[in-house]
């Protein structure tokens, strides 16, 4: 190693705690978003009666819509964080 390379190697440090925070938050948001979307799909597929027609109730449509809007808002915010200057 040259003197410059060894000096640069000595100055490099990794903030492992910060990397752990980023990984943890990314996993929580990623898994949470999938769970919210899956619950929205499940609520939308709810039947009023077990043998009844497969038409969702008005309440299930509203709840599913709110859950899907949450998913869209989180995805939009993530894109905003990536593109902002």
C-alpha atoms as a PDB file:
ATOM      1  CA  UNK A   1       0.000   0.000   0.000  1.00  0.00           C
ATOM      2  CA  UNK A   2       1.116   3.470  -0.677  1.00  0.00           C
ATOM      3  CA  UNK A   3       1.075   6.151   1.995  1.00  0.00           C
ATOM      4  CA  UNK A   4      -1.966   7.816   0.440  1.00  0.00           C
ATOM      5  CA  UNK A   5      -3.904   4.556   0.241  1.00  0.00           C
ATOM      6  CA  UNK A   6      -3.128   3.646   3.835  1.00  0.00           C
ATOM      7  CA  UNK A   7      -4.156   7.123   5.001  1.00  0.00           C
ATOM      8  CA  UNK A   8      -7.456   6.820   3.109  1.00  0.00           C
ATOM      9  CA  UNK A   9      -8.066   3.354   4.528  1.00  0.00           C
ATOM     10  CA  UNK A  10      -7.505   4.695   8.042  1.00  0.00           C
ATOM     11  CA  UNK A  11     -10.052   7.505   7.494  1.00  0.00           C
ATOM     12  CA  UNK A  12     -12.844   5.208   6.275  1.00  0.00           C
ATOM     13  CA  UNK A  13     -15.374   4.198   8.879  1.00  0.00           C
ATOM     14  CA  UNK A  14     -18.750   2.540   8.583  1.00  0.00           C
ATOM     15  CA  UNK A  15     -21.674   3.630  10.746  1.00  0.00           C
ATOM     16  CA  UNK A  16     -23.059   0.156  11.389  1.00  0.00           C
ATOM     17  CA  UNK A  17     -25.814   1.416  13.682  1.00  0.00           C
ATOM     18  CA  UNK A  18     -27.118   3.710  10.943  1.00  0.00           C
ATOM     19  CA  UNK A  19     -27.026   0.901   8.392  1.00  0.00           C
ATOM     20  CA  UNK A  20     -28.974  -1.260  10.834  1.00  0.00           C
ATOM     21  CA  UNK A  21     -31.590   1.475  11.249  1.00  0.00           C
ATOM     22  CA  UNK A  22     -32.018   1.800   7.487  1.00  0.00           C
ATOM     23  CA  UNK A  23     -32.386  -1.963   7.057  1.00  0.00           C
ATOM     24  CA  UNK A  24     -34.845  -2.215   9.947  1.00  0.00           C
ATOM     25  CA  UNK A  25     -37.045   0.652   8.780  1.00  0.00           C
ATOM     26  CA  UNK A  26     -36.949  -0.617   5.196  1.00  0.00           C
ATOM     27  CA  UNK A  27     -38.072  -4.073   6.289  1.00  0.00           C
ATOM     28  CA  UNK A  28     -40.849  -2.703   8.490  1.00  0.00           C
ATOM     29  CA  UNK A  29     -42.199  -0.383   5.810  1.00  0.00           C
ATOM     30  CA  UNK A  30     -41.864  -3.003   3.078  1.00  0.00           C
ATOM     31  CA  UNK A  31     -43.577  -5.765   5.031  1.00  0.00           C
ATOM     32  CA  UNK A  32     -46.143  -3.343   6.439  1.00  0.00           C
ATOM     33  CA  UNK A  33     -47.065  -2.121   2.975  1.00  0.00           C
ATOM     34  CA  UNK A  34     -47.567  -5.686   1.736  1.00  0.00           C
ATOM     35  CA  UNK A  35     -49.704  -6.515   4.779  1.00  0.00           C
ATOM     36  CA  UNK A  36     -51.880  -3.410   4.340  1.00  0.00           C
ATOM     37  CA  UNK A  37     -52.396  -4.231   0.661  1.00  0.00           C
ATOM     38  CA  UNK A  38     -53.215  -7.877   1.437  1.00  0.00           C
ATOM     39  CA  UNK A  39     -55.741  -6.843   4.081  1.00  0.00           C
ATOM     40  CA  UNK A  40     -57.318  -4.494   1.541  1.00  0.00           C
ATOM     41  CA  UNK A  41     -57.670  -7.319  -0.968  1.00  0.00           C
ATOM     42  CA  UNK A  42     -59.088  -9.596   1.728  1.00  0.00           C
ATOM     43  CA  UNK A  43     -61.602  -6.988   2.872  1.00  0.00           C
ATOM     44  CA  UNK A  44     -62.644  -6.366  -0.717  1.00  0.00           C
ATOM     45  CA  UNK A  45     -63.295 -10.074  -1.249  1.00  0.00           C
ATOM     46  CA  UNK A  46     -65.503 -10.314   1.859  1.00  0.00           C
ATOM     47  CA  UNK A  47     -68.979 -11.734   1.272  1.00  0.00           C
ATOM     48  CA  UNK A  48     -72.008 -10.630   3.260  1.00  0.00           C
ATOM     49  CA  UNK A  49     -73.335 -14.196   3.391  1.00  0.00           C
ATOM     50  CA  UNK A  50     -71.290 -17.395   2.936  1.00  0.00           C
ATOM     51  CA  UNK A  51     -73.544 -18.658   0.134  1.00  0.00           C
ATOM     52  CA  UNK A  52     -74.472 -15.221  -1.183  1.00  0.00           C
ATOM     53  CA  UNK A  53     -73.301 -13.506  -4.332  1.00  0.00           C
ATOM     54  CA  UNK A  54     -69.735 -12.324  -4.563  1.00  0.00           C
ATOM     55  CA  UNK A  55     -70.508  -8.638  -4.286  1.00  0.00           C
ATOM     56  CA  UNK A  56     -68.591  -6.679  -1.658  1.00  0.00           C
ATOM     57  CA  UNK A  57     -70.566  -4.604   0.788  1.00  0.00           C
ATOM     58  CA  UNK A  58     -70.380  -0.817   0.727  1.00  0.00           C
ATOM     59  CA  UNK A  59     -68.406  -0.777   3.989  1.00  0.00           C
ATOM     60  CA  UNK A  60     -65.822  -3.238   2.663  1.00  0.00           C
ATOM     61  CA  UNK A  61     -65.356  -1.124  -0.462  1.00  0.00           C
ATOM     62  CA  UNK A  62     -64.728   1.971   1.669  1.00  0.00           C
ATOM     63  CA  UNK A  63     -62.287   0.178   3.996  1.00  0.00           C
ATOM     64  CA  UNK A  64     -60.424  -1.396   1.075  1.00  0.00           C
ATOM     65  CA  UNK A  65     -60.270   1.980  -0.659  1.00  0.00           C
ATOM     66  CA  UNK A  66     -58.736   3.593   2.419  1.00  0.00           C
ATOM     67  CA  UNK A  67     -56.167   0.790   2.699  1.00  0.00           C
ATOM     68  CA  UNK A  68     -55.259   1.111  -0.980  1.00  0.00           C
ATOM     69  CA  UNK A  69     -54.925   4.882  -0.600  1.00  0.00           C
ATOM     70  CA  UNK A  70     -52.518   4.306   2.293  1.00  0.00           C
ATOM     71  CA  UNK A  71     -50.450   2.042   0.039  1.00  0.00           C
ATOM     72  CA  UNK A  72     -50.452   4.632  -2.737  1.00  0.00           C
ATOM     73  CA  UNK A  73     -49.484   7.406  -0.315  1.00  0.00           C
ATOM     74  CA  UNK A  74     -46.553   5.431   1.110  1.00  0.00           C
ATOM     75  CA  UNK A  75     -45.333   4.501  -2.380  1.00  0.00           C
ATOM     76  CA  UNK A  76     -45.642   8.115  -3.545  1.00  0.00           C
ATOM     77  CA  UNK A  77     -43.756   9.370  -0.495  1.00  0.00           C
ATOM     78  CA  UNK A  78     -40.990   6.827  -1.149  1.00  0.00           C
ATOM     79  CA  UNK A  79     -40.672   8.016  -4.725  1.00  0.00           C
ATOM     80  CA  UNK A  80     -40.596  11.623  -3.502  1.00  0.00           C
ATOM     81  CA  UNK A  81     -37.765  10.796  -1.115  1.00  0.00           C
ATOM     82  CA  UNK A  82     -35.790   9.239  -3.960  1.00  0.00           C
ATOM     83  CA  UNK A  83     -36.272  12.084  -6.435  1.00  0.00           C
ATOM     84  CA  UNK A  84     -36.101  15.207  -4.269  1.00  0.00           C
ATOM     85  CA  UNK A  85     -33.003  17.331  -4.527  1.00  0.00           C
END
